[in-house]
Amino acid sequence: MQTKRLTAFIGAALIAVLLAAPASAATTGTLCGRVTAFTAPTAVADGSLTINGTVEVIDSSAFAAIGAATLATLQALATAGATTCLDVQANGSGAIVDIAIAATAQICGTVGFNSTLSAYTIDGVALPMPLVTADADLSALLGATATGDGTLCADVSVNTGTGLLTAITVNGSVNLCGTATLTADAATLEGVDVPLTLLDADAQAALAAAVDAGADVCVTATIADTTVVDAALTAHVHVCGDVALNASGDASVGGVTLDSSLLSANAAALLQLAANAGGTACADVVAAASGGGTTISVAVTVNVCATVTAVSGGTVTLGGVSIDIGSQAASEIQVGDRVCVSADAGPTGSTSPPTGTVVDAAAASSSPSGSSTGPTSVSNTAVREVEGGSVAMLGITLLALAGMLTQGLVRRRARHR
């Protein structure tokens, strides 16, 4: 019975030791991490090093190889729980046979935040926060990357006397998403400043529209030595409302400004028509990161009522703008008719004429020859104007009353029989 208890006790003790920190088979190379325990090897006994939560065995043969200053530095790092980088040599069994403080190293991997240590981490290696907070750009990049579980590489410099990190720079690619703010020189997103010079003129105009509309955007930023050196924009801005144009050709749709550089000639003409006739418009500005740059597409839809000044084939001209509405619809419209259309213009660079659908059409008081004519019959695809809607509703009401009167007469005749 006592033997069983002793065996159980020894087993539990071994399990506790194994769970305390996982052992590792070291490989020759650079090892970075937070040192939390150190036991120096002797001529007859192995030592150990706990770094980044993993126990590394230091072979007794390293007693003659590792200098006294390095052993003292490792002990000081363990006492402080500090992060360092080491150049290690390992034997075939995975035991360390020599250690030196590395002057430089690179740490690559997922960026996170260790709430227990209150420190940013890369590949699980805690970075000294005094170094991070001393560099606002570094702090912002780590914070933005940790939010999205992104990856970066950190190049670190180490004091070979103390083993402490003295400098950190990061490299890689970061996706920054959210609401941006603009200054004359930069866009700030997730606390990171992106120089506007890294975006071409159209991308800057699309970004300005997104900021004006309060729309979220994403910027894919390339980082070199903790500096944003390249950027591409991804965004979708959808705005609708009243239209106005300024002397430079910039359009305001629903209070959001669209730079004239974003508009095709057809889109600009439709917006001018809507502005002149008191119509409304919707605009979609789409920016897509592609091949390290940004492609921009802008589509415009206007809803406007105006007098027809020309009809040719399937095209009608309203306020100087020719709109393709199809030959069937155009055949029922004459010069002088007031027509309401919903018309579309394609992205910047599109040469196709605007296309439209007739929403409502009211004939002129007389045809070009002077003969009187009734309302033009055109298939509706949206709500008619108020006047037309009132007439239509009155007609429906009169028909309903006529039906009720007819049913009443039939019943009265039946009773008389």
Protein backbone atom coordinates (compact mmCIF):
# COMPACT_ATOMS: atom_id res chain seq x y z
CA MET A 1 0.00 0.00 0.00
CA GLN A 2 2.82 2.40 0.92
CA THR A 3 4.61 1.51 -2.34
CA LYS A 4 1.49 2.45 -4.33
CA ARG A 5 1.21 5.79 -2.49
CA LEU A 6 4.88 6.55 -3.09
CA THR A 7 4.53 5.70 -6.78
CA ALA A 8 1.45 7.94 -7.07
CA PHE A 9 3.28 10.80 -5.32
CA ILE A 10 6.30 10.54 -7.61
CA GLY A 11 4.00 10.39 -10.65
CA ALA A 12 2.11 13.53 -9.57
CA ALA A 13 5.38 15.36 -8.92
CA LEU A 14 6.68 14.48 -12.38
CA ILE A 15 3.45 15.67 -14.00
CA ALA A 16 3.67 18.95 -12.08
CA VAL A 17 7.23 19.47 -13.31
CA LEU A 18 6.26 18.70 -16.89
CA LEU A 19 3.30 21.10 -16.79
CA ALA A 20 5.33 23.91 -15.24
CA ALA A 21 7.15 24.67 -18.53
CA PRO A 22 7.41 22.60 -21.69
CA ALA A 23 10.88 21.34 -22.57
CA SER A 24 12.30 21.99 -26.01
CA ALA A 25 14.96 20.54 -28.28
CA ALA A 26 17.05 23.57 -29.13
CA THR A 27 18.45 24.20 -32.60
CA THR A 28 21.46 26.25 -33.57
CA GLY A 29 20.45 29.81 -34.42
CA THR A 30 18.99 32.92 -32.83
CA LEU A 31 16.47 32.59 -30.01
CA CYS A 32 14.40 35.56 -28.75
CA GLY A 33 12.02 35.78 -25.85
CA ARG A 34 11.40 36.75 -22.25
CA VAL A 35 13.79 35.03 -19.83
CA THR A 36 12.02 33.94 -16.65
CA ALA A 37 14.40 31.33 -15.17
CA PHE A 38 18.07 30.40 -15.46
CA THR A 39 20.29 27.76 -13.88
CA ALA A 40 23.94 27.83 -14.87
CA PRO A 41 25.52 24.52 -15.91
CA THR A 42 28.41 23.06 -13.96
CA ALA A 43 31.19 20.74 -14.99
CA VAL A 44 29.10 17.77 -13.86
CA ALA A 45 25.48 18.96 -14.16
CA ASP A 46 23.31 20.38 -16.90
CA GLY A 47 21.79 23.83 -16.52
CA SER A 48 18.55 25.24 -17.92
CA LEU A 49 17.07 28.37 -19.43
CA THR A 50 13.38 29.22 -19.53
CA ILE A 51 12.76 31.61 -22.42
CA ASN A 52 9.36 32.50 -23.87
CA GLY A 53 7.78 29.91 -21.59
CA THR A 54 9.91 27.03 -22.87
CA VAL A 55 12.66 25.23 -20.92
CA GLU A 56 15.91 24.79 -22.84
CA VAL A 57 18.54 22.35 -21.48
CA ILE A 58 22.10 23.69 -21.23
CA ASP A 59 24.52 20.78 -21.50
CA SER A 60 27.21 20.48 -18.83
CA SER A 61 29.82 20.71 -21.57
CA ALA A 62 28.79 24.37 -22.02
CA PHE A 63 30.32 25.14 -18.60
CA ALA A 64 33.70 25.61 -20.23
CA ALA A 65 32.32 27.42 -23.30
CA ILE A 66 30.07 30.11 -21.79
CA GLY A 67 31.91 33.08 -20.28
CA ALA A 68 31.26 34.26 -16.76
CA ALA A 69 29.92 37.63 -17.99
CA THR A 70 27.30 35.91 -20.15
CA LEU A 71 26.23 33.67 -17.26
CA ALA A 72 25.84 36.75 -15.05
CA THR A 73 23.84 38.56 -17.75
CA LEU A 74 21.48 35.59 -18.16
CA GLN A 75 20.91 35.50 -14.41
CA ALA A 76 20.11 39.24 -14.37
CA LEU A 77 17.70 38.88 -17.31
CA ALA A 78 15.89 36.03 -15.53
CA THR A 79 15.60 38.06 -12.34
CA ALA A 80 14.12 41.00 -14.26
CA GLY A 81 11.95 38.84 -16.53
CA ALA A 82 13.38 40.76 -19.49
CA THR A 83 13.25 40.04 -23.22
CA THR A 84 16.51 39.32 -25.01
CA CYS A 85 17.91 37.61 -28.10
CA LEU A 86 20.57 34.89 -27.92
CA ASP A 87 22.84 33.17 -30.39
CA VAL A 88 22.81 29.51 -29.36
CA GLN A 89 24.60 26.39 -30.50
CA ALA A 90 22.94 23.02 -29.91
CA ASN A 91 24.15 19.43 -30.09
CA GLY A 92 22.39 16.56 -31.81
CA SER A 93 20.30 15.88 -28.71
CA GLY A 94 18.86 19.40 -28.71
CA ALA A 95 20.83 20.61 -25.69
CA ILE A 96 22.54 24.00 -25.77
CA VAL A 97 26.35 23.79 -25.75
CA ASP A 98 27.13 27.52 -26.13
CA ILE A 99 25.30 30.86 -25.69
CA ALA A 100 26.13 34.46 -26.58
CA ILE A 101 24.05 37.63 -26.48
CA ALA A 102 22.96 38.45 -30.06
CA ALA A 103 23.71 42.01 -31.18
CA THR A 104 20.83 42.01 -33.69
CA ALA A 105 17.93 39.72 -34.53
CA GLN A 106 14.68 39.58 -36.47
CA ILE A 107 11.36 38.44 -34.98
CA CYS A 108 8.55 37.68 -37.44
CA GLY A 109 4.99 36.55 -36.85
CA THR A 110 1.56 37.48 -35.62
CA VAL A 111 1.25 40.71 -33.67
CA GLY A 112 -0.72 40.49 -30.43
CA PHE A 113 -1.11 42.10 -27.05
CA ASN A 114 -0.29 40.29 -23.81
CA SER A 115 -2.69 41.75 -21.26
CA THR A 116 -0.83 40.12 -18.35
CA LEU A 117 2.43 41.82 -19.28
CA SER A 118 0.70 44.88 -20.83
CA ALA A 119 3.02 44.48 -23.80
CA TYR A 120 2.75 44.03 -27.55
CA THR A 121 4.09 40.72 -28.84
CA ILE A 122 5.39 39.45 -32.16
CA ASP A 123 5.37 35.68 -32.57
CA GLY A 124 4.70 35.54 -28.82
CA VAL A 125 7.82 37.54 -27.94
CA ALA A 126 6.99 40.44 -25.61
CA LEU A 127 8.47 43.75 -26.73
CA PRO A 128 9.69 46.16 -24.01
CA MET A 129 6.93 48.77 -23.71
CA PRO A 130 9.26 51.69 -22.87
CA LEU A 131 10.88 51.18 -26.28
CA VAL A 132 7.49 50.89 -28.00
CA THR A 133 5.86 53.90 -26.39
CA ALA A 134 8.94 56.06 -27.08
CA ASP A 135 8.18 55.74 -30.81
CA ALA A 136 4.64 56.94 -31.65
CA ASP A 137 4.75 55.43 -35.16
CA LEU A 138 5.87 52.05 -33.81
CA SER A 139 3.19 52.07 -31.13
CA ALA A 140 0.48 52.97 -33.65
CA LEU A 141 1.53 50.29 -36.14
CA LEU A 142 1.69 47.57 -33.48
CA GLY A 143 -1.68 48.64 -32.10
CA ALA A 144 -3.33 48.64 -35.53
CA THR A 145 -1.81 45.28 -36.49
CA ALA A 146 -2.64 43.60 -33.18
CA THR A 147 -6.30 44.59 -33.63
CA GLY A 148 -6.55 42.55 -36.82
CA ASP A 149 -4.13 39.75 -35.88
CA GLY A 150 -1.80 40.87 -38.66
CA THR A 151 1.84 39.90 -39.11
CA LEU A 152 5.00 41.99 -39.02
CA CYS A 153 8.73 41.50 -38.75
CA ALA A 154 10.67 43.38 -36.08
CA ASP A 155 14.38 44.08 -36.45
CA VAL A 156 15.82 44.49 -32.96
CA SER A 157 19.14 45.73 -31.61
CA VAL A 158 20.49 44.31 -28.34
CA ASN A 159 23.01 45.62 -25.83
CA THR A 160 25.44 42.69 -25.65
CA GLY A 161 26.52 43.72 -22.17
CA THR A 162 23.09 43.83 -20.53
CA GLY A 163 21.17 41.65 -22.97
CA LEU A 164 18.40 44.26 -23.14
CA LEU A 165 16.75 45.38 -26.39
CA THR A 166 17.75 48.91 -27.36
CA ALA A 167 15.92 49.54 -30.65
CA ILE A 168 12.98 48.11 -32.62
CA THR A 169 11.88 48.77 -36.20
CA VAL A 170 9.07 46.92 -37.99
CA ASN A 171 8.54 45.89 -41.60
CA GLY A 172 5.71 44.25 -43.52
CA SER A 173 2.21 44.98 -44.73
CA VAL A 174 -0.67 46.26 -42.61
CA ASN A 175 -4.40 46.53 -43.38
CA LEU A 176 -5.79 49.66 -41.74
CA CYS A 177 -9.59 49.86 -41.68
CA GLY A 178 -12.13 52.26 -40.22
CA THR A 179 -13.09 55.91 -40.41
CA ALA A 180 -10.24 58.10 -41.62
CA THR A 181 -9.41 61.70 -40.83
CA LEU A 182 -7.64 63.99 -43.28
CA THR A 183 -5.07 66.72 -42.96
CA ALA A 184 -3.32 68.55 -45.78
CA ASP A 185 -0.56 65.93 -45.83
CA ALA A 186 -1.88 62.65 -44.47
CA ALA A 187 -4.81 60.39 -43.76
CA THR A 188 -4.92 58.99 -40.22
CA LEU A 189 -6.45 55.54 -39.86
CA GLU A 190 -6.32 53.43 -36.68
CA GLY A 191 -3.81 55.94 -35.34
CA VAL A 192 -1.42 55.42 -38.27
CA ASP A 193 -0.55 58.36 -40.53
CA VAL A 194 -0.56 57.51 -44.25
CA PRO A 195 1.09 60.22 -46.40
CA LEU A 196 -1.29 61.35 -49.14
CA THR A 197 1.62 61.42 -51.60
CA LEU A 198 1.48 57.60 -51.59
CA LEU A 199 -2.00 57.72 -53.23
CA ASP A 200 -2.60 59.00 -56.75
CA ALA A 201 -4.92 61.96 -57.38
CA ASP A 202 -8.05 59.85 -58.02
CA ALA A 203 -7.45 57.72 -54.92
CA GLN A 204 -7.05 60.90 -52.87
CA ALA A 205 -10.31 62.26 -54.33
CA ALA A 206 -12.13 58.99 -53.51
CA LEU A 207 -10.70 59.05 -49.98
CA ALA A 208 -11.87 62.65 -49.54
CA ALA A 209 -15.39 61.64 -50.66
CA ALA A 210 -15.38 58.74 -48.17
CA VAL A 211 -14.28 61.03 -45.33
CA ASP A 212 -16.92 63.58 -46.34
CA ALA A 213 -19.58 60.84 -46.29
CA GLY A 214 -18.33 59.32 -43.02
CA ALA A 215 -17.80 55.97 -44.78
CA ASP A 216 -15.30 53.38 -43.59
CA VAL A 217 -12.25 52.71 -45.76
CA CYS A 218 -9.32 50.30 -45.77
CA VAL A 219 -5.73 51.16 -46.66
CA THR A 220 -3.21 48.43 -47.38
CA ALA A 221 0.04 49.98 -46.17
CA THR A 222 3.55 48.71 -46.84
CA ILE A 223 5.89 49.31 -43.89
CA ALA A 224 9.68 49.66 -44.03
CA ASP A 225 11.67 50.67 -40.94
CA THR A 226 8.46 51.66 -39.13
CA THR A 227 7.53 54.04 -41.97
CA VAL A 228 4.59 53.73 -44.38
CA VAL A 229 6.24 53.66 -47.81
CA ASP A 230 3.36 52.55 -50.06
CA ALA A 231 -0.42 52.48 -49.82
CA ALA A 232 -3.53 51.38 -51.73
CA LEU A 233 -7.15 52.26 -50.97
CA THR A 234 -10.28 50.13 -50.72
CA ALA A 235 -13.61 51.91 -50.22
CA HIS A 236 -17.26 52.08 -51.32
CA VAL A 237 -19.11 55.35 -50.97
CA HIS A 238 -22.85 55.43 -51.76
CA VAL A 239 -24.56 58.82 -51.57
CA CYS A 240 -27.96 60.10 -52.69
CA GLY A 241 -29.74 63.45 -52.60
CA ASP A 242 -29.94 66.89 -54.13
CA VAL A 243 -27.32 67.93 -56.65
CA ALA A 244 -25.19 71.05 -57.04
CA LEU A 245 -22.09 71.79 -59.12
CA ASN A 246 -19.49 74.46 -58.51
CA ALA A 247 -17.49 76.46 -61.04
CA SER A 248 -14.71 73.85 -61.04
CA GLY A 249 -17.12 71.06 -61.99
CA ASP A 250 -17.02 69.40 -58.58
CA ALA A 251 -20.40 67.89 -57.74
CA SER A 252 -22.22 67.81 -54.43
CA VAL A 253 -24.59 64.84 -54.11
CA GLY A 254 -26.53 64.67 -50.87
CA GLY A 255 -24.03 67.10 -49.36
CA VAL A 256 -20.99 64.93 -50.24
CA THR A 257 -18.45 66.45 -52.61
CA LEU A 258 -17.24 64.43 -55.61
CA ASP A 259 -14.16 65.85 -57.28
CA SER A 260 -14.60 66.52 -61.00
CA SER A 261 -11.66 64.18 -61.74
CA LEU A 262 -13.82 61.23 -60.64
CA LEU A 263 -16.63 61.97 -63.11
CA SER A 264 -16.94 60.90 -66.73
CA ALA A 265 -18.19 63.53 -69.16
CA ASN A 266 -21.59 61.80 -69.26
CA ALA A 267 -21.82 61.62 -65.47
CA ALA A 268 -20.93 65.30 -65.17
CA ALA A 269 -23.56 66.20 -67.80
CA LEU A 270 -26.28 64.21 -66.02
CA LEU A 271 -25.43 65.80 -62.69
CA GLN A 272 -25.51 69.24 -64.27
CA LEU A 273 -28.93 68.43 -65.74
CA ALA A 274 -30.20 67.28 -62.32
CA ALA A 275 -28.77 70.41 -60.69
CA ASN A 276 -30.41 72.71 -63.26
CA ALA A 277 -33.78 70.94 -63.17
CA GLY A 278 -33.96 70.37 -59.42
CA GLY A 279 -33.58 66.59 -59.73
CA THR A 280 -31.86 64.13 -57.43
CA ALA A 281 -28.98 61.73 -57.92
CA CYS A 282 -27.18 58.76 -56.43
CA ALA A 283 -23.46 58.15 -56.86
CA ASP A 284 -21.33 55.09 -56.13
CA VAL A 285 -17.60 55.63 -55.74
CA VAL A 286 -15.70 52.34 -55.59
CA ALA A 287 -11.97 52.19 -54.86
CA ALA A 288 -10.19 48.84 -55.09
CA ALA A 289 -6.61 48.02 -54.14
CA SER A 290 -5.04 46.25 -57.10
CA GLY A 291 -1.43 45.43 -57.95
CA GLY A 292 -0.07 47.77 -55.31
CA GLY A 293 -2.18 50.67 -56.63
CA THR A 294 -5.81 51.77 -56.55
CA THR A 295 -8.45 51.58 -59.28
CA ILE A 296 -11.44 53.91 -59.08
CA SER A 297 -14.92 53.48 -60.55
CA VAL A 298 -17.73 56.03 -60.26
CA ALA A 299 -21.32 55.40 -61.42
CA VAL A 300 -24.08 58.00 -61.33
CA THR A 301 -27.88 57.71 -61.50
CA VAL A 302 -30.10 60.80 -61.76
CA ASN A 303 -33.85 61.21 -61.49
CA VAL A 304 -34.94 64.35 -63.29
CA CYS A 305 -37.93 65.91 -65.06
CA ALA A 306 -37.34 68.29 -67.97
CA THR A 307 -38.72 69.40 -71.35
CA VAL A 308 -37.69 67.44 -74.43
CA THR A 309 -35.78 69.58 -76.94
CA ALA A 310 -34.99 66.85 -79.48
CA VAL A 311 -35.94 63.28 -80.35
CA SER A 312 -33.74 61.14 -82.59
CA GLY A 313 -34.12 57.39 -82.97
CA GLY A 314 -34.18 55.99 -79.46
CA THR A 315 -32.64 59.11 -77.93
CA VAL A 316 -34.26 62.13 -76.29
CA THR A 317 -32.48 65.34 -75.40
CA LEU A 318 -33.23 67.04 -72.10
CA GLY A 319 -31.41 70.18 -71.04
CA GLY A 320 -28.73 69.58 -73.65
CA VAL A 321 -28.10 65.98 -72.54
CA SER A 322 -28.93 63.11 -74.92
CA ILE A 323 -30.27 60.01 -73.19
CA ASP A 324 -30.87 56.64 -74.86
CA ILE A 325 -34.33 55.50 -73.71
CA GLY A 326 -35.00 52.95 -76.46
CA SER A 327 -36.82 53.36 -79.75
CA GLN A 328 -40.25 52.23 -78.48
CA ALA A 329 -40.35 54.76 -75.61
CA ALA A 330 -38.88 57.50 -77.81
CA SER A 331 -41.51 56.95 -80.51
CA GLU A 332 -44.25 58.04 -78.10
CA ILE A 333 -42.50 61.29 -77.11
CA GLN A 334 -42.45 64.60 -78.97
CA VAL A 335 -40.43 67.78 -78.72
CA GLY A 336 -41.96 69.94 -76.01
CA ASP A 337 -43.17 67.01 -73.88
CA ARG A 338 -42.19 67.09 -70.23
CA VAL A 339 -40.50 63.80 -69.43
CA CYS A 340 -39.26 62.34 -66.17
CA VAL A 341 -36.40 59.86 -66.53
CA SER A 342 -34.08 57.77 -64.41
CA ALA A 343 -30.75 57.87 -66.25
CA ASP A 344 -27.39 56.20 -65.64
CA ALA A 345 -23.84 57.14 -66.58
CA GLY A 346 -20.98 54.67 -66.37
CA PRO A 347 -17.57 54.98 -64.69
CA THR A 348 -14.88 57.51 -65.52
CA GLY A 349 -13.56 56.86 -69.00
CA SER A 350 -16.81 55.36 -70.27
CA THR A 351 -17.74 56.64 -73.75
CA SER A 352 -21.19 55.08 -73.96
CA PRO A 353 -24.04 57.62 -73.88
CA PRO A 354 -26.23 57.73 -70.76
CA THR A 355 -29.07 55.25 -70.75
CA GLY A 356 -32.42 55.96 -69.18
CA THR A 357 -35.90 54.71 -68.40
CA VAL A 358 -38.92 56.95 -68.76
CA VAL A 359 -40.66 57.31 -65.42
CA ASP A 360 -43.42 59.66 -66.58
CA ALA A 361 -44.28 61.72 -69.65
CA ALA A 362 -46.81 64.50 -70.12
CA ALA A 363 -47.52 65.62 -73.68
CA ALA A 364 -47.16 69.22 -74.78
CA SER A 365 -50.32 71.34 -75.12
CA SER A 366 -50.07 70.94 -78.87
CA SER A 367 -48.08 68.91 -81.29
CA PRO A 368 -45.46 70.56 -83.53
CA SER A 369 -48.13 70.88 -86.26
CA GLY A 370 -50.46 72.74 -83.88
CA SER A 371 -53.10 70.02 -83.47
CA SER A 372 -54.26 69.20 -79.96
CA THR A 373 -53.06 65.98 -78.45
CA GLY A 374 -53.78 63.99 -75.29
CA PRO A 375 -51.31 62.64 -72.72
CA THR A 376 -48.58 60.45 -74.12
CA SER A 377 -48.91 56.83 -72.98
CA VAL A 378 -45.59 55.57 -71.64
CA SER A 379 -44.93 52.54 -69.48
CA ASN A 380 -44.17 53.66 -65.93
CA THR A 381 -41.39 52.12 -63.86
CA ALA A 382 -41.69 54.40 -60.84
CA VAL A 383 -44.11 56.73 -59.09
CA ARG A 384 -45.54 59.36 -61.39
CA GLU A 385 -45.38 63.06 -60.65
CA VAL A 386 -47.87 64.40 -58.12
CA GLU A 387 -50.20 65.85 -60.75
CA GLY A 388 -50.30 62.62 -62.73
CA GLY A 389 -50.72 60.56 -59.58
CA SER A 390 -53.67 62.71 -58.46
CA VAL A 391 -55.41 62.27 -61.80
CA ALA A 392 -54.82 58.54 -61.76
CA MET A 393 -56.19 58.22 -58.21
CA LEU A 394 -59.25 60.28 -59.14
CA GLY A 395 -59.91 57.96 -62.08
CA ILE A 396 -59.69 54.89 -59.85
CA THR A 397 -62.04 56.50 -57.32
CA LEU A 398 -64.65 57.37 -59.99
CA LEU A 399 -64.54 53.83 -61.36
CA ALA A 400 -65.09 52.43 -57.87
CA LEU A 401 -68.09 54.72 -57.29
CA ALA A 402 -69.57 53.77 -60.65
CA GLY A 403 -69.30 50.09 -59.72
CA MET A 404 -71.03 50.65 -56.38
CA LEU A 405 -73.90 52.58 -58.03
CA THR A 406 -74.38 49.84 -60.62
CA GLN A 407 -74.60 47.15 -57.94
CA GLY A 408 -77.19 49.24 -56.04
CA LEU A 409 -79.42 49.61 -59.11
CA VAL A 410 -79.32 45.86 -59.74
CA ARG A 411 -80.41 45.10 -56.18
CA ARG A 412 -83.31 47.63 -56.29
CA ARG A 413 -84.65 46.14 -59.54
CA ALA A 414 -84.49 42.68 -58.04
CA ARG A 415 -86.60 43.75 -55.03
CA HIS A 416 -89.25 45.35 -57.27
CA ARG A 417 -89.65 42.05 -59.14
